[in-house]
Amino acid sequence: QVQLVESGGGLVQAGGSLRLSCAASGRTFSTYVMG
């Protein structure tokens, strides 16, 4: 079982920037393909 928690969303004006993050559980994260 893998748990994923996203963060970083919000309200931004056109032309602006945001960075989303996704933290994953699991000891084999380095073997996962992420999307």
All heavy atoms as atom14 arrays in JSON, in Angstrom:
{
  "sequence": "QVQLVESGGGLVQAGGSLRLSCAASGRTFSTYVMG",
  "atom14_mask": [
    [1, 1, 1, 1, 1, 1, 1, 1, 1, 0, 0, 0, 0, 0],
    [1, 1, 1, 1, 1, 1, 1, 0, 0, 0, 0, 0, 0, 0],
    [1, 1, 1, 1, 1, 1, 1, 1, 1, 0, 0, 0, 0, 0],
    [1, 1, 1, 1, 1, 1, 1, 1, 0, 0, 0, 0, 0, 0],
    [1, 1, 1, 1, 1, 1, 1, 0, 0, 0, 0, 0, 0, 0],
    [1, 1, 1, 1, 1, 1, 1, 1, 1, 0, 0, 0, 0, 0],
    [1, 1, 1, 1, 1, 1, 0, 0, 0, 0, 0, 0, 0, 0],
    [1, 1, 1, 1, 0, 0, 0, 0, 0, 0, 0, 0, 0, 0],
    [1, 1, 1, 1, 0, 0, 0, 0, 0, 0, 0, 0, 0, 0],
    [1, 1, 1, 1, 0, 0, 0, 0, 0, 0, 0, 0, 0, 0],
    [1, 1, 1, 1, 1, 1, 1, 1, 0, 0, 0, 0, 0, 0],
    [1, 1, 1, 1, 1, 1, 1, 0, 0, 0, 0, 0, 0, 0],
    [1, 1, 1, 1, 1, 1, 1, 1, 1, 0, 0, 0, 0, 0],
    [1, 1, 1, 1, 1, 0, 0, 0, 0, 0, 0, 0, 0, 0],
    [1, 1, 1, 1, 0, 0, 0, 0, 0, 0, 0, 0, 0, 0],
    [1, 1, 1, 1, 0, 0, 0, 0, 0, 0, 0, 0, 0, 0],
    [1, 1, 1, 1, 1, 1, 0, 0, 0, 0, 0, 0, 0, 0],
    [1, 1, 1, 1, 1, 1, 1, 1, 0, 0, 0, 0, 0, 0],
    [1, 1, 1, 1, 1, 1, 1, 1, 1, 1, 1, 0, 0, 0],
    [1, 1, 1, 1, 1, 1, 1, 1, 0, 0, 0, 0, 0, 0],
    [1, 1, 1, 1, 1, 1, 0, 0, 0, 0, 0, 0, 0, 0],
    [1, 1, 1, 1, 1, 1, 0, 0, 0, 0, 0, 0, 0, 0],
    [1, 1, 1, 1, 1, 0, 0, 0, 0, 0, 0, 0, 0, 0],
    [1, 1, 1, 1, 1, 0, 0, 0, 0, 0, 0, 0, 0, 0],
    [1, 1, 1, 1, 1, 1, 0, 0, 0, 0, 0, 0, 0, 0],
    [1, 1, 1, 1, 0, 0, 0, 0, 0, 0, 0, 0, 0, 0],
    [1, 1, 1, 1, 1, 1, 1, 1, 1, 1, 1, 0, 0, 0],
    [1, 1, 1, 1, 1, 1, 1, 0, 0, 0, 0, 0, 0, 0],
    [1, 1, 1, 1, 1, 1, 1, 1, 1, 1, 1, 0, 0, 0],
    [1, 1, 1, 1, 1, 1, 0, 0, 0, 0, 0, 0, 0, 0],
    [1, 1, 1, 1, 1, 1, 1, 0, 0, 0, 0, 0, 0, 0],
    [1, 1, 1, 1, 1, 1, 1, 1, 1, 1, 1, 1, 0, 0],
    [1, 1, 1, 1, 1, 1, 1, 0, 0, 0, 0, 0, 0, 0],
    [1, 1, 1, 1, 1, 1, 1, 1, 0, 0, 0, 0, 0, 0],
    [1, 1, 1, 1, 0, 0, 0, 0, 0, 0, 0, 0, 0, 0]
  ],
  "atom14_positions": [
    [[0.85, -1.19, 0.0], [0.0, 0.0, 0.0], [0.88, 1.24, 0.0], [1.85, 1.33, 0.74], [-0.91, 0.0, 1.24], [-1.96, 1.08, 1.25], [-3.15, 0.73, 0.36], [-3.26, -0.39, -0.13], [-4.02, 1.68, 0.15], [0.0, 0.0, 0.0], [0.0, 0.0, 0.0], [0.0, 0.0, 0.0], [0.0, 0.0, 0.0], [0.0, 0.0, 0.0]],
    [[0.55, 2.18, -0.85], [1.27, 3.45, -0.95], [0.3, 4.58, -0.65], [-0.81, 4.6, -1.2], [1.88, 3.64, -2.35], [2.57, 5.0, -2.44], [2.86, 2.51, -2.67], [0.0, 0.0, 0.0], [0.0, 0.0, 0.0], [0.0, 0.0, 0.0], [0.0, 0.0, 0.0], [0.0, 0.0, 0.0], [0.0, 0.0, 0.0], [0.0, 0.0, 0.0]],
    [[0.7, 5.48, 0.19], [-0.12, 6.66, 0.47], [0.56, 7.89, -0.11], [1.78, 8.05, 0.01], [-0.33, 6.81, 1.97], [-1.2, 5.7, 2.56], [-1.52, 5.93, 4.03], [-0.72, 6.49, 4.76], [-2.69, 5.48, 4.45], [0.0, 0.0, 0.0], [0.0, 0.0, 0.0], [0.0, 0.0, 0.0], [0.0, 0.0, 0.0], [0.0, 0.0, 0.0]],
    [[-0.24, 8.74, -0.72], [0.25, 9.96, -1.36], [-0.47, 11.16, -0.78], [-1.69, 11.15, -0.64], [0.01, 9.9, -2.87], [0.6, 8.71, -3.61], [0.08, 8.66, -5.03], [2.11, 8.77, -3.6], [0.0, 0.0, 0.0], [0.0, 0.0, 0.0], [0.0, 0.0, 0.0], [0.0, 0.0, 0.0], [0.0, 0.0, 0.0], [0.0, 0.0, 0.0]],
    [[0.29, 12.2, -0.48], [-0.29, 13.43, 0.06], [0.23, 14.6, -0.76], [1.44, 14.9, -0.73], [0.05, 13.62, 1.54], [-0.54, 14.93, 2.05], [-0.45, 12.43, 2.36], [0.0, 0.0, 0.0], [0.0, 0.0, 0.0], [0.0, 0.0, 0.0], [0.0, 0.0, 0.0], [0.0, 0.0, 0.0], [0.0, 0.0, 0.0], [0.0, 0.0, 0.0]],
    [[-0.68, 15.27, -1.47], [-0.3, 16.44, -2.27], [-0.43, 17.71, -1.44], [-1.24, 17.78, -0.51], [-1.21, 16.58, -3.5], [-1.19, 15.42, -4.47], [-2.4, 14.53, -4.32], [-2.96, 14.48, -3.21], [-2.81, 13.9, -5.31], [0.0, 0.0, 0.0], [0.0, 0.0, 0.0], [0.0, 0.0, 0.0], [0.0, 0.0, 0.0], [0.0, 0.0, 0.0]],
    [[0.36, 18.7, -1.8], [0.28, 20.01, -1.18], [0.78, 21.05, -2.17], [1.37, 20.71, -3.19], [1.09, 20.06, 0.12], [2.45, 19.8, -0.15], [0.0, 0.0, 0.0], [0.0, 0.0, 0.0], [0.0, 0.0, 0.0], [0.0, 0.0, 0.0], [0.0, 0.0, 0.0], [0.0, 0.0, 0.0], [0.0, 0.0, 0.0], [0.0, 0.0, 0.0]],
    [[0.54, 22.31, -1.83], [1.07, 23.39, -2.65], [0.07, 24.08, -3.55], [0.4, 25.06, -4.22], [0.0, 0.0, 0.0], [0.0, 0.0, 0.0], [0.0, 0.0, 0.0], [0.0, 0.0, 0.0], [0.0, 0.0, 0.0], [0.0, 0.0, 0.0], [0.0, 0.0, 0.0], [0.0, 0.0, 0.0], [0.0, 0.0, 0.0], [0.0, 0.0, 0.0]],
    [[-1.15, 23.58, -3.58], [-2.16, 24.22, -4.41], [-2.59, 25.55, -3.82], [-2.22, 25.91, -2.7], [0.0, 0.0, 0.0], [0.0, 0.0, 0.0], [0.0, 0.0, 0.0], [0.0, 0.0, 0.0], [0.0, 0.0, 0.0], [0.0, 0.0, 0.0], [0.0, 0.0, 0.0], [0.0, 0.0, 0.0], [0.0, 0.0, 0.0], [0.0, 0.0, 0.0]],
    [[-3.39, 26.3, -4.59], [-3.87, 27.57, -4.11], [-4.42, 28.42, -5.21], [-4.64, 27.95, -6.33], [0.0, 0.0, 0.0], [0.0, 0.0, 0.0], [0.0, 0.0, 0.0], [0.0, 0.0, 0.0], [0.0, 0.0, 0.0], [0.0, 0.0, 0.0], [0.0, 0.0, 0.0], [0.0, 0.0, 0.0], [0.0, 0.0, 0.0], [0.0, 0.0, 0.0]],
    [[-4.6, 29.69, -4.89], [-5.12, 30.67, -5.84], [-3.97, 31.54, -6.32], [-3.19, 32.06, -5.5], [-6.19, 31.53, -5.17], [-6.73, 32.7, -5.97], [-7.47, 32.22, -7.21], [-7.65, 33.56, -5.09], [0.0, 0.0, 0.0], [0.0, 0.0, 0.0], [0.0, 0.0, 0.0], [0.0, 0.0, 0.0], [0.0, 0.0, 0.0], [0.0, 0.0, 0.0]],
    [[-3.85, 31.69, -7.62], [-2.76, 32.48, -8.2], [-3.29, 33.23, -9.41], [-4.22, 32.77, -10.07], [-1.57, 31.56, -8.58], [-1.95, 30.59, -9.67], [-0.35, 32.37, -8.97], [0.0, 0.0, 0.0], [0.0, 0.0, 0.0], [0.0, 0.0, 0.0], [0.0, 0.0, 0.0], [0.0, 0.0, 0.0], [0.0, 0.0, 0.0], [0.0, 0.0, 0.0]],
    [[-2.71, 34.37, -9.69], [-3.11, 35.13, -10.86], [-2.48, 34.53, -12.11], [-1.42, 33.89, -12.05], [-2.69, 36.59, -10.72], [-3.49, 37.37, -9.69], [-3.17, 38.84, -9.71], [-2.07, 39.24, -10.08], [-4.13, 39.68, -9.32], [0.0, 0.0, 0.0], [0.0, 0.0, 0.0], [0.0, 0.0, 0.0], [0.0, 0.0, 0.0], [0.0, 0.0, 0.0]],
    [[-3.12, 34.75, -13.24], [-2.57, 34.3, -14.51], [-1.17, 34.86, -14.7], [-0.91, 36.02, -14.39], [-3.47, 34.72, -15.66], [0.0, 0.0, 0.0], [0.0, 0.0, 0.0], [0.0, 0.0, 0.0], [0.0, 0.0, 0.0], [0.0, 0.0, 0.0], [0.0, 0.0, 0.0], [0.0, 0.0, 0.0], [0.0, 0.0, 0.0], [0.0, 0.0, 0.0]],
    [[-0.28, 34.0, -15.16], [1.11, 34.37, -15.32], [1.98, 34.03, -14.13], [3.21, 34.11, -14.21], [0.0, 0.0, 0.0], [0.0, 0.0, 0.0], [0.0, 0.0, 0.0], [0.0, 0.0, 0.0], [0.0, 0.0, 0.0], [0.0, 0.0, 0.0], [0.0, 0.0, 0.0], [0.0, 0.0, 0.0], [0.0, 0.0, 0.0], [0.0, 0.0, 0.0]],
    [[1.34, 33.67, -13.03], [2.07, 33.34, -11.82], [2.56, 31.9, -11.79], [2.43, 31.16, -12.77], [0.0, 0.0, 0.0], [0.0, 0.0, 0.0], [0.0, 0.0, 0.0], [0.0, 0.0, 0.0], [0.0, 0.0, 0.0], [0.0, 0.0, 0.0], [0.0, 0.0, 0.0], [0.0, 0.0, 0.0], [0.0, 0.0, 0.0], [0.0, 0.0, 0.0]],
    [[3.12, 31.53, -10.64], [3.72, 30.2, -10.49], [3.25, 29.54, -9.2], [2.92, 30.22, -8.23], [5.24, 30.31, -10.46], [5.75, 30.84, -11.66], [0.0, 0.0, 0.0], [0.0, 0.0, 0.0], [0.0, 0.0, 0.0], [0.0, 0.0, 0.0], [0.0, 0.0, 0.0], [0.0, 0.0, 0.0], [0.0, 0.0, 0.0], [0.0, 0.0, 0.0]],
    [[3.26, 28.23, -9.22], [3.02, 27.41, -8.04], [3.91, 26.17, -8.14], [4.22, 25.72, -9.25], [1.56, 26.96, -7.93], [0.51, 27.95, -7.46], [-0.88, 27.32, -7.57], [0.77, 28.38, -6.02], [0.0, 0.0, 0.0], [0.0, 0.0, 0.0], [0.0, 0.0, 0.0], [0.0, 0.0, 0.0], [0.0, 0.0, 0.0], [0.0, 0.0, 0.0]],
    [[4.28, 25.62, -6.99], [4.97, 24.34, -6.97], [4.17, 23.36, -6.13], [3.96, 23.59, -4.94], [6.39, 24.46, -6.43], [7.16, 23.15, -6.59], [8.6, 23.24, -6.17], [8.77, 23.06, -4.73], [9.87, 22.59, -4.17], [10.91, 22.26, -4.91], [9.95, 22.49, -2.85], [0.0, 0.0, 0.0], [0.0, 0.0, 0.0], [0.0, 0.0, 0.0]],
    [[3.74, 22.31, -6.76], [3.03, 21.25, -6.07], [4.03, 20.2, -5.58], [5.02, 19.93, -6.25], [2.01, 20.59, -6.99], [0.98, 21.5, -7.65], [0.01, 20.67, -8.46], [0.28, 22.37, -6.65], [0.0, 0.0, 0.0], [0.0, 0.0, 0.0], [0.0, 0.0, 0.0], [0.0, 0.0, 0.0], [0.0, 0.0, 0.0], [0.0, 0.0, 0.0]],
    [[3.73, 19.63, -4.44], [4.54, 18.54, -3.9], [3.64, 17.34, -3.64], [2.45, 17.48, -3.35], [5.2, 18.96, -2.57], [6.06, 20.06, -2.75], [0.0, 0.0, 0.0], [0.0, 0.0, 0.0], [0.0, 0.0, 0.0], [0.0, 0.0, 0.0], [0.0, 0.0, 0.0], [0.0, 0.0, 0.0], [0.0, 0.0, 0.0], [0.0, 0.0, 0.0]],
    [[4.23, 16.17, -3.73], [3.51, 14.94, -3.43], [4.44, 14.03, -2.64], [5.45, 13.55, -3.18], [3.06, 14.26, -4.71], [2.32, 12.64, -4.46], [0.0, 0.0, 0.0], [0.0, 0.0, 0.0], [0.0, 0.0, 0.0], [0.0, 0.0, 0.0], [0.0, 0.0, 0.0], [0.0, 0.0, 0.0], [0.0, 0.0, 0.0], [0.0, 0.0, 0.0]],
    [[4.12, 13.84, -1.38], [4.91, 12.99, -0.51], [4.34, 11.58, -0.5], [3.13, 11.4, -0.32], [4.95, 13.55, 0.9], [0.0, 0.0, 0.0], [0.0, 0.0, 0.0], [0.0, 0.0, 0.0], [0.0, 0.0, 0.0], [0.0, 0.0, 0.0], [0.0, 0.0, 0.0], [0.0, 0.0, 0.0], [0.0, 0.0, 0.0], [0.0, 0.0, 0.0]],
    [[5.19, 10.6, -0.69], [4.75, 9.22, -0.79], [5.31, 8.38, 0.34], [6.44, 8.58, 0.78], [5.17, 8.63, -2.12], [0.0, 0.0, 0.0], [0.0, 0.0, 0.0], [0.0, 0.0, 0.0], [0.0, 0.0, 0.0], [0.0, 0.0, 0.0], [0.0, 0.0, 0.0], [0.0, 0.0, 0.0], [0.0, 0.0, 0.0], [0.0, 0.0, 0.0]],
    [[4.51, 7.45, 0.79], [5.0, 6.46, 1.75], [5.6, 5.3, 0.97], [5.44, 5.2, -0.24], [3.85, 5.96, 2.63], [2.91, 5.26, 1.83], [0.0, 0.0, 0.0], [0.0, 0.0, 0.0], [0.0, 0.0, 0.0], [0.0, 0.0, 0.0], [0.0, 0.0, 0.0], [0.0, 0.0, 0.0], [0.0, 0.0, 0.0], [0.0, 0.0, 0.0]],
    [[6.29, 4.44, 1.67], [6.81, 3.26, 0.99], [8.32, 3.31, 0.87], [8.89, 4.34, 0.5], [0.0, 0.0, 0.0], [0.0, 0.0, 0.0], [0.0, 0.0, 0.0], [0.0, 0.0, 0.0], [0.0, 0.0, 0.0], [0.0, 0.0, 0.0], [0.0, 0.0, 0.0], [0.0, 0.0, 0.0], [0.0, 0.0, 0.0], [0.0, 0.0, 0.0]],
    [[8.94, 2.18, 1.16], [10.4, 2.13, 1.16], [10.98, 1.95, -0.23], [12.19, 2.02, -0.4], [10.86, 1.0, 2.07], [10.64, 1.28, 3.54], [10.98, 0.08, 4.4], [9.99, -0.99, 4.25], [10.08, -2.14, 4.89], [11.09, -2.41, 5.68], [9.15, -3.06, 4.72], [0.0, 0.0, 0.0], [0.0, 0.0, 0.0], [0.0, 0.0, 0.0]],
    [[10.13, 1.7, -1.22], [10.63, 1.49, -2.57], [10.22, 2.63, -3.5], [10.05, 2.43, -4.69], [10.11, 0.15, -3.12], [8.67, 0.14, -3.06], [10.68, -1.0, -2.35], [0.0, 0.0, 0.0], [0.0, 0.0, 0.0], [0.0, 0.0, 0.0], [0.0, 0.0, 0.0], [0.0, 0.0, 0.0], [0.0, 0.0, 0.0], [0.0, 0.0, 0.0]],
    [[10.1, 3.83, -2.95], [9.69, 4.99, -3.74], [10.59, 5.18, -4.95], [10.14, 5.55, -6.02], [9.71, 6.25, -2.87], [9.43, 7.51, -3.62], [8.13, 7.88, -3.92], [10.46, 8.34, -4.03], [7.85, 9.05, -4.61], [10.21, 9.51, -4.72], [8.9, 9.87, -5.0], [0.0, 0.0, 0.0], [0.0, 0.0, 0.0], [0.0, 0.0, 0.0]],
    [[11.88, 4.91, -4.78], [12.83, 5.16, -5.86], [12.6, 4.25, -7.06], [13.17, 4.47, -8.12], [14.26, 4.99, -5.36], [14.47, 3.68, -4.89], [0.0, 0.0, 0.0], [0.0, 0.0, 0.0], [0.0, 0.0, 0.0], [0.0, 0.0, 0.0], [0.0, 0.0, 0.0], [0.0, 0.0, 0.0], [0.0, 0.0, 0.0], [0.0, 0.0, 0.0]],
    [[11.77, 3.22, -6.91], [11.47, 2.33, -8.03], [10.15, 2.67, -8.71], [9.77, 2.03, -9.69], [11.4, 0.86, -7.56], [10.27, 0.71, -6.68], [12.67, 0.47, -6.82], [0.0, 0.0, 0.0], [0.0, 0.0, 0.0], [0.0, 0.0, 0.0], [0.0, 0.0, 0.0], [0.0, 0.0, 0.0], [0.0, 0.0, 0.0], [0.0, 0.0, 0.0]],
    [[9.43, 3.66, -8.2], [8.12, 3.99, -8.73], [8.23, 4.97, -9.9], [9.04, 5.89, -9.88], [7.23, 4.64, -7.67], [6.97, 3.82, -6.43], [6.6, 4.44, -5.25], [7.06, 2.44, -6.43], [6.34, 3.73, -4.1], [6.82, 1.7, -5.28], [6.46, 2.36, -4.12], [6.21, 1.64, -2.98], [0.0, 0.0, 0.0], [0.0, 0.0, 0.0]],
    [[7.35, 4.8, -10.87], [7.1, 5.83, -11.87], [6.0, 6.74, -11.3], [5.0, 6.25, -10.77], [6.65, 5.22, -13.2], [6.34, 6.31, -14.22], [7.72, 4.27, -13.74], [0.0, 0.0, 0.0], [0.0, 0.0, 0.0], [0.0, 0.0, 0.0], [0.0, 0.0, 0.0], [0.0, 0.0, 0.0], [0.0, 0.0, 0.0], [0.0, 0.0, 0.0]],
    [[6.21, 8.03, -11.38], [5.28, 8.98, -10.78], [4.64, 9.84, -11.86], [5.29, 10.22, -12.84], [6.0, 9.89, -9.79], [6.71, 9.15, -8.66], [5.59, 8.28, -7.56], [4.62, 9.64, -6.91], [0.0, 0.0, 0.0], [0.0, 0.0, 0.0], [0.0, 0.0, 0.0], [0.0, 0.0, 0.0], [0.0, 0.0, 0.0], [0.0, 0.0, 0.0]],
    [[3.39, 10.19, -11.62], [2.69, 11.03, -12.58], [1.85, 12.09, -11.9], [1.51, 11.97, -10.72], [0.0, 0.0, 0.0], [0.0, 0.0, 0.0], [0.0, 0.0, 0.0], [0.0, 0.0, 0.0], [0.0, 0.0, 0.0], [0.0, 0.0, 0.0], [0.0, 0.0, 0.0], [0.0, 0.0, 0.0], [0.0, 0.0, 0.0], [0.0, 0.0, 0.0]]
  ]
}
